[in-house]
Amino acid sequence: MPELTSLGKSKAVRNTAIGIGVAVLVPVAVAFLAPYVRPAARSLVKAGLQAWEKGKEVAAEVGEVMDDLVAEVRDELREEREQAVAAMHEAAEQKKDDA
């Protein structure tokens, strides 16, 4: 039978003792800390939800600004194309008149 001093030096025994200690202490620590941790967790979740909602609002505003910007650029491009087509028609008419 192995001596107690050699058992204490064994990694398997030491790791088993640590595992048992953790298994016993964690539930005790959770039960002791729950009244303090729960309000903190609620506050954290609340802050996260508020940040999420604010982020959605900002994203919606940015989307609206981008939609307006795209519409303005499309209008400008359409006007430029119309002016280019009108200039081409004028040039063609002027060539017909010159000929």
PDB file of N, CA and C in Angstrom:
ATOM      1  N   MET A   1       0.852  -1.174   0.000  1.00  0.00           N
ATOM      2  CA  MET A   1       0.000   0.000   0.000  1.00  0.00           C
ATOM      3  C   MET A   1       0.896   1.234   0.000  1.00  0.00           C
ATOM      4  N   PRO A   2       0.559   2.215  -0.876  1.00  0.00           N
ATOM      5  CA  PRO A   2       1.426   3.397  -0.968  1.00  0.00           C
ATOM      6  C   PRO A   2       1.311   4.273   0.264  1.00  0.00           C
ATOM      7  N   GLU A   3       2.394   4.951   0.555  1.00  0.00           N
ATOM      8  CA  GLU A   3       2.404   5.839   1.704  1.00  0.00           C
ATOM      9  C   GLU A   3       1.654   7.124   1.374  1.00  0.00           C
ATOM     10  N   LEU A   4       1.201   7.823   2.410  1.00  0.00           N
ATOM     11  CA  LEU A   4       0.458   9.071   2.209  1.00  0.00           C
ATOM     12  C   LEU A   4       1.315  10.163   1.603  1.00  0.00           C
ATOM     13  N   THR A   5       2.581  10.180   1.910  1.00  0.00           N
ATOM     14  CA  THR A   5       3.459  11.218   1.355  1.00  0.00           C
ATOM     15  C   THR A   5       3.619  11.036  -0.142  1.00  0.00           C
ATOM     16  N   SER A   6       3.682   9.805  -0.589  1.00  0.00           N
ATOM     17  CA  SER A   6       3.813   9.576  -2.031  1.00  0.00           C
ATOM     18  C   SER A   6       2.494   9.852  -2.752  1.00  0.00           C
ATOM     19  N   LEU A   7       1.369   9.657  -2.066  1.00  0.00           N
ATOM     20  CA  LEU A   7       0.071   9.979  -2.671  1.00  0.00           C
ATOM     21  C   LEU A   7      -0.051  11.473  -2.931  1.00  0.00           C
ATOM     22  N   GLY A   8       0.468  12.278  -2.043  1.00  0.00           N
ATOM     23  CA  GLY A   8       0.400  13.734  -2.198  1.00  0.00           C
ATOM     24  C   GLY A   8       1.241  14.225  -3.362  1.00  0.00           C
ATOM     25  N   LYS A   9       2.232  13.465  -3.756  1.00  0.00           N
ATOM     26  CA  LYS A   9       3.089  13.858  -4.859  1.00  0.00           C
ATOM     27  C   LYS A   9       2.534  13.385  -6.200  1.00  0.00           C
ATOM     28  N   SER A  10       1.557  12.519  -6.188  1.00  0.00           N
ATOM     29  CA  SER A  10       0.992  11.984  -7.429  1.00  0.00           C
ATOM     30  C   SER A  10       0.121  13.051  -8.110  1.00  0.00           C
ATOM     31  N   LYS A  11       0.362  13.246  -9.408  1.00  0.00           N
ATOM     32  CA  LYS A  11      -0.418  14.252 -10.151  1.00  0.00           C
ATOM     33  C   LYS A  11      -1.891  13.869 -10.252  1.00  0.00           C
ATOM     34  N   ALA A  12      -2.164  12.596 -10.406  1.00  0.00           N
ATOM     35  CA  ALA A  12      -3.552  12.146 -10.535  1.00  0.00           C
ATOM     36  C   ALA A  12      -4.333  12.422  -9.253  1.00  0.00           C
ATOM     37  N   VAL A  13      -3.742  12.156  -8.131  1.00  0.00           N
ATOM     38  CA  VAL A  13      -4.407  12.388  -6.850  1.00  0.00           C
ATOM     39  C   VAL A  13      -4.600  13.883  -6.628  1.00  0.00           C
ATOM     40  N   ARG A  14      -3.544  14.652  -6.919  1.00  0.00           N
ATOM     41  CA  ARG A  14      -3.639  16.106  -6.750  1.00  0.00           C
ATOM     42  C   ARG A  14      -4.735  16.688  -7.660  1.00  0.00           C
ATOM     43  N   ASN A  15      -4.764  16.273  -8.906  1.00  0.00           N
ATOM     44  CA  ASN A  15      -5.776  16.783  -9.836  1.00  0.00           C
ATOM     45  C   ASN A  15      -7.184  16.362  -9.424  1.00  0.00           C
ATOM     46  N   THR A  16      -7.318  15.149  -8.918  1.00  0.00           N
ATOM     47  CA  THR A  16      -8.625  14.686  -8.430  1.00  0.00           C
ATOM     48  C   THR A  16      -9.073  15.509  -7.235  1.00  0.00           C
ATOM     49  N   ALA A  17      -8.169  15.786  -6.326  1.00  0.00           N
ATOM     50  CA  ALA A  17      -8.505  16.600  -5.150  1.00  0.00           C
ATOM     51  C   ALA A  17      -8.909  18.012  -5.564  1.00  0.00           C
ATOM     52  N   ILE A  18      -8.196  18.578  -6.527  1.00  0.00           N
ATOM     53  CA  ILE A  18      -8.557  19.911  -7.017  1.00  0.00           C
ATOM     54  C   ILE A  18      -9.938  19.877  -7.655  1.00  0.00           C
ATOM     55  N   GLY A  19     -10.227  18.852  -8.460  1.00  0.00           N
ATOM     56  CA  GLY A  19     -11.541  18.716  -9.095  1.00  0.00           C
ATOM     57  C   GLY A  19     -12.661  18.604  -8.083  1.00  0.00           C
ATOM     58  N   ILE A  20     -12.452  17.801  -7.053  1.00  0.00           N
ATOM     59  CA  ILE A  20     -13.468  17.655  -6.007  1.00  0.00           C
ATOM     60  C   ILE A  20     -13.642  18.980  -5.260  1.00  0.00           C
ATOM     61  N   GLY A  21     -12.544  19.660  -4.973  1.00  0.00           N
ATOM     62  CA  GLY A  21     -12.637  20.948  -4.282  1.00  0.00           C
ATOM     63  C   GLY A  21     -13.409  21.966  -5.106  1.00  0.00           C
ATOM     64  N   VAL A  22     -13.129  22.015  -6.397  1.00  0.00           N
ATOM     65  CA  VAL A  22     -13.858  22.949  -7.270  1.00  0.00           C
ATOM     66  C   VAL A  22     -15.328  22.569  -7.331  1.00  0.00           C
ATOM     67  N   ALA A  23     -15.613  21.275  -7.452  1.00  0.00           N
ATOM     68  CA  ALA A  23     -17.002  20.821  -7.533  1.00  0.00           C
ATOM     69  C   ALA A  23     -17.791  21.178  -6.276  1.00  0.00           C
ATOM     70  N   VAL A  24     -17.123  21.233  -5.135  1.00  0.00           N
ATOM     71  CA  VAL A  24     -17.795  21.582  -3.885  1.00  0.00           C
ATOM     72  C   VAL A  24     -17.884  23.098  -3.723  1.00  0.00           C
ATOM     73  N   LEU A  25     -16.832  23.811  -4.058  1.00  0.00           N
ATOM     74  CA  LEU A  25     -16.783  25.246  -3.804  1.00  0.00           C
ATOM     75  C   LEU A  25     -17.578  26.078  -4.810  1.00  0.00           C
ATOM     76  N   VAL A  26     -17.668  25.650  -6.041  1.00  0.00           N
ATOM     77  CA  VAL A  26     -18.372  26.458  -7.050  1.00  0.00           C
ATOM     78  C   VAL A  26     -19.850  26.642  -6.690  1.00  0.00           C
ATOM     79  N   PRO A  27     -20.590  25.589  -6.372  1.00  0.00           N
ATOM     80  CA  PRO A  27     -21.990  25.819  -5.994  1.00  0.00           C
ATOM     81  C   PRO A  27     -22.138  26.703  -4.759  1.00  0.00           C
ATOM     82  N   VAL A  28     -21.232  26.560  -3.810  1.00  0.00           N
ATOM     83  CA  VAL A  28     -21.280  27.395  -2.613  1.00  0.00           C
ATOM     84  C   VAL A  28     -21.016  28.844  -2.988  1.00  0.00           C
ATOM     85  N   ALA A  29     -20.012  29.076  -3.830  1.00  0.00           N
ATOM     86  CA  ALA A  29     -19.684  30.437  -4.260  1.00  0.00           C
ATOM     87  C   ALA A  29     -20.825  31.041  -5.065  1.00  0.00           C
ATOM     88  N   VAL A  30     -21.432  30.258  -5.941  1.00  0.00           N
ATOM     89  CA  VAL A  30     -22.557  30.760  -6.744  1.00  0.00           C
ATOM     90  C   VAL A  30     -23.725  31.135  -5.839  1.00  0.00           C
ATOM     91  N   ALA A  31     -24.039  30.283  -4.868  1.00  0.00           N
ATOM     92  CA  ALA A  31     -25.139  30.576  -3.953  1.00  0.00           C
ATOM     93  C   ALA A  31     -24.835  31.824  -3.121  1.00  0.00           C
ATOM     94  N   PHE A  32     -23.584  32.000  -2.746  1.00  0.00           N
ATOM     95  CA  PHE A  32     -23.204  33.152  -1.936  1.00  0.00           C
ATOM     96  C   PHE A  32     -23.186  34.436  -2.769  1.00  0.00           C
ATOM     97  N   LEU A  33     -22.722  34.358  -4.007  1.00  0.00           N
ATOM     98  CA  LEU A  33     -22.573  35.548  -4.839  1.00  0.00           C
ATOM     99  C   LEU A  33     -23.817  35.895  -5.660  1.00  0.00           C
ATOM    100  N   ALA A  34     -24.774  34.994  -5.751  1.00  0.00           N
ATOM    101  CA  ALA A  34     -25.955  35.214  -6.596  1.00  0.00           C
ATOM    102  C   ALA A  34     -26.683  36.520  -6.286  1.00  0.00           C
ATOM    103  N   PRO A  35     -26.904  36.883  -5.032  1.00  0.00           N
ATOM    104  CA  PRO A  35     -27.606  38.146  -4.773  1.00  0.00           C
ATOM    105  C   PRO A  35     -26.835  39.371  -5.273  1.00  0.00           C
ATOM    106  N   TYR A  36     -25.532  39.250  -5.390  1.00  0.00           N
ATOM    107  CA  TYR A  36     -24.724  40.381  -5.852  1.00  0.00           C
ATOM    108  C   TYR A  36     -24.521  40.348  -7.367  1.00  0.00           C
ATOM    109  N   VAL A  37     -24.396  39.171  -7.908  1.00  0.00           N
ATOM    110  CA  VAL A  37     -24.110  39.014  -9.332  1.00  0.00           C
ATOM    111  C   VAL A  37     -25.363  39.249 -10.177  1.00  0.00           C
ATOM    112  N   ARG A  38     -26.511  38.845  -9.701  1.00  0.00           N
ATOM    113  CA  ARG A  38     -27.739  38.978 -10.486  1.00  0.00           C
ATOM    114  C   ARG A  38     -28.050  40.436 -10.832  1.00  0.00           C
ATOM    115  N   PRO A  39     -28.018  41.369  -9.892  1.00  0.00           N
ATOM    116  CA  PRO A  39     -28.271  42.765 -10.270  1.00  0.00           C
ATOM    117  C   PRO A  39     -27.228  43.299 -11.253  1.00  0.00           C
ATOM    118  N   ALA A  40     -25.995  42.892 -11.066  1.00  0.00           N
ATOM    119  CA  ALA A  40     -24.954  43.334 -12.008  1.00  0.00           C
ATOM    120  C   ALA A  40     -25.212  42.756 -13.397  1.00  0.00           C
ATOM    121  N   ALA A  41     -25.619  41.490 -13.445  1.00  0.00           N
ATOM    122  CA  ALA A  41     -25.922  40.865 -14.734  1.00  0.00           C
ATOM    123  C   ALA A  41     -27.125  41.542 -15.387  1.00  0.00           C
ATOM    124  N   ARG A  42     -28.134  41.872 -14.599  1.00  0.00           N
ATOM    125  CA  ARG A  42     -29.310  42.566 -15.138  1.00  0.00           C
ATOM    126  C   ARG A  42     -28.911  43.918 -15.700  1.00  0.00           C
ATOM    127  N   SER A  43     -28.063  44.639 -14.970  1.00  0.00           N
ATOM    128  CA  SER A  43     -27.603  45.939 -15.447  1.00  0.00           C
ATOM    129  C   SER A  43     -26.824  45.802 -16.748  1.00  0.00           C
ATOM    130  N   LEU A  44     -26.003  44.780 -16.822  1.00  0.00           N
ATOM    131  CA  LEU A  44     -25.215  44.542 -18.027  1.00  0.00           C
ATOM    132  C   LEU A  44     -26.113  44.210 -19.210  1.00  0.00           C
ATOM    133  N   VAL A  45     -27.104  43.356 -18.995  1.00  0.00           N
ATOM    134  CA  VAL A  45     -28.036  43.005 -20.076  1.00  0.00           C
ATOM    135  C   VAL A  45     -28.844  44.230 -20.494  1.00  0.00           C
ATOM    136  N   LYS A  46     -29.265  45.024 -19.525  1.00  0.00           N
ATOM    137  CA  LYS A  46     -30.032  46.233 -19.820  1.00  0.00           C
ATOM    138  C   LYS A  46     -29.202  47.202 -20.659  1.00  0.00           C
ATOM    139  N   ALA A  47     -27.952  47.410 -20.276  1.00  0.00           N
ATOM    140  CA  ALA A  47     -27.069  48.301 -21.034  1.00  0.00           C
ATOM    141  C   ALA A  47     -26.834  47.761 -22.438  1.00  0.00           C
ATOM    142  N   GLY A  48     -26.693  46.462 -22.546  1.00  0.00           N
ATOM    143  CA  GLY A  48     -26.509  45.849 -23.869  1.00  0.00           C
ATOM    144  C   GLY A  48     -27.714  46.052 -24.756  1.00  0.00           C
ATOM    145  N   LEU A  49     -28.908  45.871 -24.204  1.00  0.00           N
ATOM    146  CA  LEU A  49     -30.130  46.071 -24.986  1.00  0.00           C
ATOM    147  C   LEU A  49     -30.293  47.533 -25.408  1.00  0.00           C
ATOM    148  N   GLN A  50     -29.960  48.451 -24.512  1.00  0.00           N
ATOM    149  CA  GLN A  50     -30.053  49.870 -24.858  1.00  0.00           C
ATOM    150  C   GLN A  50     -29.058  50.220 -25.962  1.00  0.00           C
ATOM    151  N   ALA A  51     -27.859  49.672 -25.876  1.00  0.00           N
ATOM    152  CA  ALA A  51     -26.858  49.920 -26.916  1.00  0.00           C
ATOM    153  C   ALA A  51     -27.316  49.328 -28.242  1.00  0.00           C
ATOM    154  N   TRP A  52     -27.922  48.147 -28.198  1.00  0.00           N
ATOM    155  CA  TRP A  52     -28.419  47.497 -29.413  1.00  0.00           C
ATOM    156  C   TRP A  52     -29.502  48.359 -30.070  1.00  0.00           C
ATOM    157  N   GLU A  53     -30.446  48.842 -29.261  1.00  0.00           N
ATOM    158  CA  GLU A  53     -31.524  49.666 -29.794  1.00  0.00           C
ATOM    159  C   GLU A  53     -30.981  50.973 -30.370  1.00  0.00           C
ATOM    160  N   LYS A  54     -30.024  51.586 -29.683  1.00  0.00           N
ATOM    161  CA  LYS A  54     -29.421  52.824 -30.180  1.00  0.00           C
ATOM    162  C   LYS A  54     -28.676  52.554 -31.481  1.00  0.00           C
ATOM    163  N   GLY A  55     -28.004  51.433 -31.546  1.00  0.00           N
ATOM    164  CA  GLY A  55     -27.302  51.047 -32.774  1.00  0.00           C
ATOM    165  C   GLY A  55     -28.259  50.867 -33.935  1.00  0.00           C
ATOM    166  N   LYS A  56     -29.421  50.257 -33.654  1.00  0.00           N
ATOM    167  CA  LYS A  56     -30.422  50.096 -34.717  1.00  0.00           C
ATOM    168  C   LYS A  56     -30.934  51.448 -35.188  1.00  0.00           C
ATOM    169  N   GLU A  57     -31.143  52.381 -34.253  1.00  0.00           N
ATOM    170  CA  GLU A  57     -31.602  53.719 -34.621  1.00  0.00           C
ATOM    171  C   GLU A  57     -30.567  54.423 -35.496  1.00  0.00           C
ATOM    172  N   VAL A  58     -29.314  54.354 -35.079  1.00  0.00           N
ATOM    173  CA  VAL A  58     -28.247  55.002 -35.845  1.00  0.00           C
ATOM    174  C   VAL A  58     -28.140  54.375 -37.236  1.00  0.00           C
ATOM    175  N   ALA A  59     -28.237  53.066 -37.309  1.00  0.00           N
ATOM    176  CA  ALA A  59     -28.159  52.382 -38.599  1.00  0.00           C
ATOM    177  C   ALA A  59     -29.323  52.804 -39.497  1.00  0.00           C
ATOM    178  N   ALA A  60     -30.507  52.955 -38.922  1.00  0.00           N
ATOM    179  CA  ALA A  60     -31.658  53.391 -39.714  1.00  0.00           C
ATOM    180  C   ALA A  60     -31.448  54.817 -40.225  1.00  0.00           C
ATOM    181  N   GLU A  61     -30.911  55.684 -39.379  1.00  0.00           N
ATOM    182  CA  GLU A  61     -30.651  57.064 -39.803  1.00  0.00           C
ATOM    183  C   GLU A  61     -29.605  57.103 -40.911  1.00  0.00           C
ATOM    184  N   VAL A  62     -28.556  56.320 -40.755  1.00  0.00           N
ATOM    185  CA  VAL A  62     -27.513  56.269 -41.788  1.00  0.00           C
ATOM    186  C   VAL A  62     -28.107  55.734 -43.083  1.00  0.00           C
ATOM    187  N   GLY A  63     -28.967  54.736 -42.979  1.00  0.00           N
ATOM    188  CA  GLY A  63     -29.625  54.190 -44.167  1.00  0.00           C
ATOM    189  C   GLY A  63     -30.466  55.232 -44.878  1.00  0.00           C
ATOM    190  N   GLU A  64     -31.197  56.037 -44.108  1.00  0.00           N
ATOM    191  CA  GLU A  64     -32.010  57.091 -44.711  1.00  0.00           C
ATOM    192  C   GLU A  64     -31.139  58.131 -45.407  1.00  0.00           C
ATOM    193  N   VAL A  65     -30.050  58.516 -44.758  1.00  0.00           N
ATOM    194  CA  VAL A  65     -29.137  59.496 -45.359  1.00  0.00           C
ATOM    195  C   VAL A  65     -28.546  58.927 -46.646  1.00  0.00           C
ATOM    196  N   MET A  66     -28.159  57.677 -46.629  1.00  0.00           N
ATOM    197  CA  MET A  66     -27.590  57.055 -47.832  1.00  0.00           C
ATOM    198  C   MET A  66     -28.633  56.966 -48.944  1.00  0.00           C
ATOM    199  N   ASP A  67     -29.882  56.633 -48.595  1.00  0.00           N
ATOM    200  CA  ASP A  67     -30.942  56.589 -49.608  1.00  0.00           C
ATOM    201  C   ASP A  67     -31.132  57.961 -50.243  1.00  0.00           C
ATOM    202  N   ASP A  68     -31.145  59.015 -49.424  1.00  0.00           N
ATOM    203  CA  ASP A  68     -31.284  60.369 -49.948  1.00  0.00           C
ATOM    204  C   ASP A  68     -30.107  60.721 -50.849  1.00  0.00           C
ATOM    205  N   LEU A  69     -28.911  60.362 -50.420  1.00  0.00           N
ATOM    206  CA  LEU A  69     -27.715  60.660 -51.194  1.00  0.00           C
ATOM    207  C   LEU A  69     -27.731  59.937 -52.533  1.00  0.00           C
ATOM    208  N   VAL A  70     -28.115  58.675 -52.528  1.00  0.00           N
ATOM    209  CA  VAL A  70     -28.185  57.905 -53.765  1.00  0.00           C
ATOM    210  C   VAL A  70     -29.231  58.507 -54.703  1.00  0.00           C
ATOM    211  N   ALA A  71     -30.371  58.909 -54.162  1.00  0.00           N
ATOM    212  CA  ALA A  71     -31.409  59.523 -54.994  1.00  0.00           C
ATOM    213  C   ALA A  71     -30.904  60.826 -55.619  1.00  0.00           C
ATOM    214  N   GLU A  72     -30.186  61.643 -54.845  1.00  0.00           N
ATOM    215  CA  GLU A  72     -29.641  62.892 -55.372  1.00  0.00           C
ATOM    216  C   GLU A  72     -28.641  62.622 -56.495  1.00  0.00           C
ATOM    217  N   VAL A  73     -27.760  61.661 -56.287  1.00  0.00           N
ATOM    218  CA  VAL A  73     -26.755  61.338 -57.304  1.00  0.00           C
ATOM    219  C   VAL A  73     -27.433  60.798 -58.557  1.00  0.00           C
ATOM    220  N   ARG A  74     -28.449  59.965 -58.415  1.00  0.00           N
ATOM    221  CA  ARG A  74     -29.174  59.464 -59.588  1.00  0.00           C
ATOM    222  C   ARG A  74     -29.812  60.606 -60.361  1.00  0.00           C
ATOM    223  N   ASP A  75     -30.405  61.564 -59.644  1.00  0.00           N
ATOM    224  CA  ASP A  75     -30.997  62.719 -60.312  1.00  0.00           C
ATOM    225  C   ASP A  75     -29.943  63.517 -61.069  1.00  0.00           C
ATOM    226  N   GLU A  76     -28.795  63.735 -60.445  1.00  0.00           N
ATOM    227  CA  GLU A  76     -27.714  64.465 -61.108  1.00  0.00           C
ATOM    228  C   GLU A  76     -27.246  63.727 -62.356  1.00  0.00           C
ATOM    229  N   LEU A  77     -27.059  62.415 -62.244  1.00  0.00           N
ATOM    230  CA  LEU A  77     -26.631  61.632 -63.404  1.00  0.00           C
ATOM    231  C   LEU A  77     -27.661  61.682 -64.524  1.00  0.00           C
ATOM    232  N   ARG A  78     -28.936  61.592 -64.155  1.00  0.00           N
ATOM    233  CA  ARG A  78     -30.002  61.663 -65.156  1.00  0.00           C
ATOM    234  C   ARG A  78     -29.976  63.018 -65.871  1.00  0.00           C
ATOM    235  N   GLU A  79     -29.808  64.105 -65.115  1.00  0.00           N
ATOM    236  CA  GLU A  79     -29.740  65.439 -65.711  1.00  0.00           C
ATOM    237  C   GLU A  79     -28.526  65.567 -66.627  1.00  0.00           C
ATOM    238  N   GLU A  80     -27.375  65.037 -66.191  1.00  0.00           N
ATOM    239  CA  GLU A  80     -26.172  65.100 -67.013  1.00  0.00           C
ATOM    240  C   GLU A  80     -26.361  64.330 -68.311  1.00  0.00           C
ATOM    241  N   ARG A  81     -26.982  63.146 -68.245  1.00  0.00           N
ATOM    242  CA  ARG A  81     -27.250  62.367 -69.460  1.00  0.00           C
ATOM    243  C   ARG A  81     -28.192  63.109 -70.390  1.00  0.00           C
ATOM    244  N   GLU A  82     -29.240  63.704 -69.801  1.00  0.00           N
ATOM    245  CA  GLU A  82     -30.187  64.451 -70.632  1.00  0.00           C
ATOM    246  C   GLU A  82     -29.508  65.640 -71.314  1.00  0.00           C
ATOM    247  N   GLN A  83     -28.627  66.317 -70.577  1.00  0.00           N
ATOM    248  CA  GLN A  83     -27.898  67.438 -71.169  1.00  0.00           C
ATOM    249  C   GLN A  83     -26.954  66.957 -72.267  1.00  0.00           C
ATOM    250  N   ALA A  84     -26.300  65.821 -72.051  1.00  0.00           N
ATOM    251  CA  ALA A  84     -25.401  65.285 -73.064  1.00  0.00           C
ATOM    252  C   ALA A  84     -26.174  64.887 -74.310  1.00  0.00           C
ATOM    253  N   VAL A  85     -27.339  64.260 -74.131  1.00  0.00           N
ATOM    254  CA  VAL A  85     -28.164  63.867 -75.278  1.00  0.00           C
ATOM    255  C   VAL A  85     -28.663  65.106 -76.013  1.00  0.00           C
ATOM    256  N   ALA A  86     -29.085  66.124 -75.276  1.00  0.00           N
ATOM    257  CA  ALA A  86     -29.553  67.365 -75.900  1.00  0.00           C
ATOM    258  C   ALA A  86     -28.419  68.034 -76.669  1.00  0.00           C
ATOM    259  N   ALA A  87     -27.213  68.017 -76.117  1.00  0.00           N
ATOM    260  CA  ALA A  87     -26.063  68.608 -76.808  1.00  0.00           C
ATOM    261  C   ALA A  87     -25.750  67.829 -78.076  1.00  0.00           C
ATOM    262  N   MET A  88     -25.867  66.516 -78.020  1.00  0.00           N
ATOM    263  CA  MET A  88     -25.623  65.693 -79.222  1.00  0.00           C
ATOM    264  C   MET A  88     -26.663  65.990 -80.291  1.00  0.00           C
ATOM    265  N   HIS A  89     -27.919  66.144 -79.894  1.00  0.00           N
ATOM    266  CA  HIS A  89     -28.983  66.464 -80.863  1.00  0.00           C
ATOM    267  C   HIS A  89     -28.740  67.841 -81.469  1.00  0.00           C
ATOM    268  N   GLU A  90     -28.319  68.792 -80.648  1.00  0.00           N
ATOM    269  CA  GLU A  90     -28.026  70.142 -81.167  1.00  0.00           C
ATOM    270  C   GLU A  90     -26.892  70.091 -82.170  1.00  0.00           C
ATOM    271  N   ALA A  91     -25.847  69.326 -81.836  1.00  0.00           N
ATOM    272  CA  ALA A  91     -24.705  69.203 -82.756  1.00  0.00           C
ATOM    273  C   ALA A  91     -25.133  68.544 -84.056  1.00  0.00           C
ATOM    274  N   ALA A  92     -25.990  67.550 -83.958  1.00  0.00           N
ATOM    275  CA  ALA A  92     -26.466  66.870 -85.168  1.00  0.00           C
ATOM    276  C   ALA A  92     -27.325  67.815 -86.000  1.00  0.00           C
ATOM    277  N   GLU A  93     -28.189  68.586 -85.360  1.00  0.00           N
ATOM    278  CA  GLU A  93     -29.033  69.545 -86.068  1.00  0.00           C
ATOM    279  C   GLU A  93     -28.175  70.620 -86.746  1.00  0.00           C
ATOM    280  N   GLN A  94     -27.147  71.045 -86.031  1.00  0.00           N
ATOM    281  CA  GLN A  94     -26.281  72.107 -86.574  1.00  0.00           C
ATOM    282  C   GLN A  94     -25.507  71.576 -87.785  1.00  0.00           C
ATOM    283  N   LYS A  95     -25.092  70.290 -87.742  1.00  0.00           N
ATOM    284  CA  LYS A  95     -24.403  69.687 -88.891  1.00  0.00           C
ATOM    285  C   LYS A  95     -25.363  69.610 -90.087  1.00  0.00           C
ATOM    286  N   LYS A  96     -26.636  69.280 -89.824  1.00  0.00           N
ATOM    287  CA  LYS A  96     -27.629  69.211 -90.920  1.00  0.00           C
ATOM    288  C   LYS A  96     -27.829  70.590 -91.527  1.00  0.00           C
ATOM    289  N   ASP A  97     -27.879  71.594 -90.659  1.00  0.00           N
ATOM    290  CA  ASP A  97     -28.083  72.964 -91.151  1.00  0.00           C
ATOM    291  C   ASP A  97     -26.849  73.437 -91.934  1.00  0.00           C
ATOM    292  N   ASP A  98     -25.660  73.065 -91.521  1.00  0.00           N
ATOM    293  CA  ASP A  98     -24.428  73.466 -92.199  1.00  0.00           C
ATOM    294  C   ASP A  98     -24.261  72.744 -93.531  1.00  0.00           C
ATOM    295  N   ALA A  99     -24.812  71.592 -93.658  1.00  0.00           N
ATOM    296  CA  ALA A  99     -24.637  70.801 -94.879  1.00  0.00           C
ATOM    297  C   ALA A  99     -25.560  71.175 -95.990  1.00  0.00           C
TER     298      ALA A  99
END
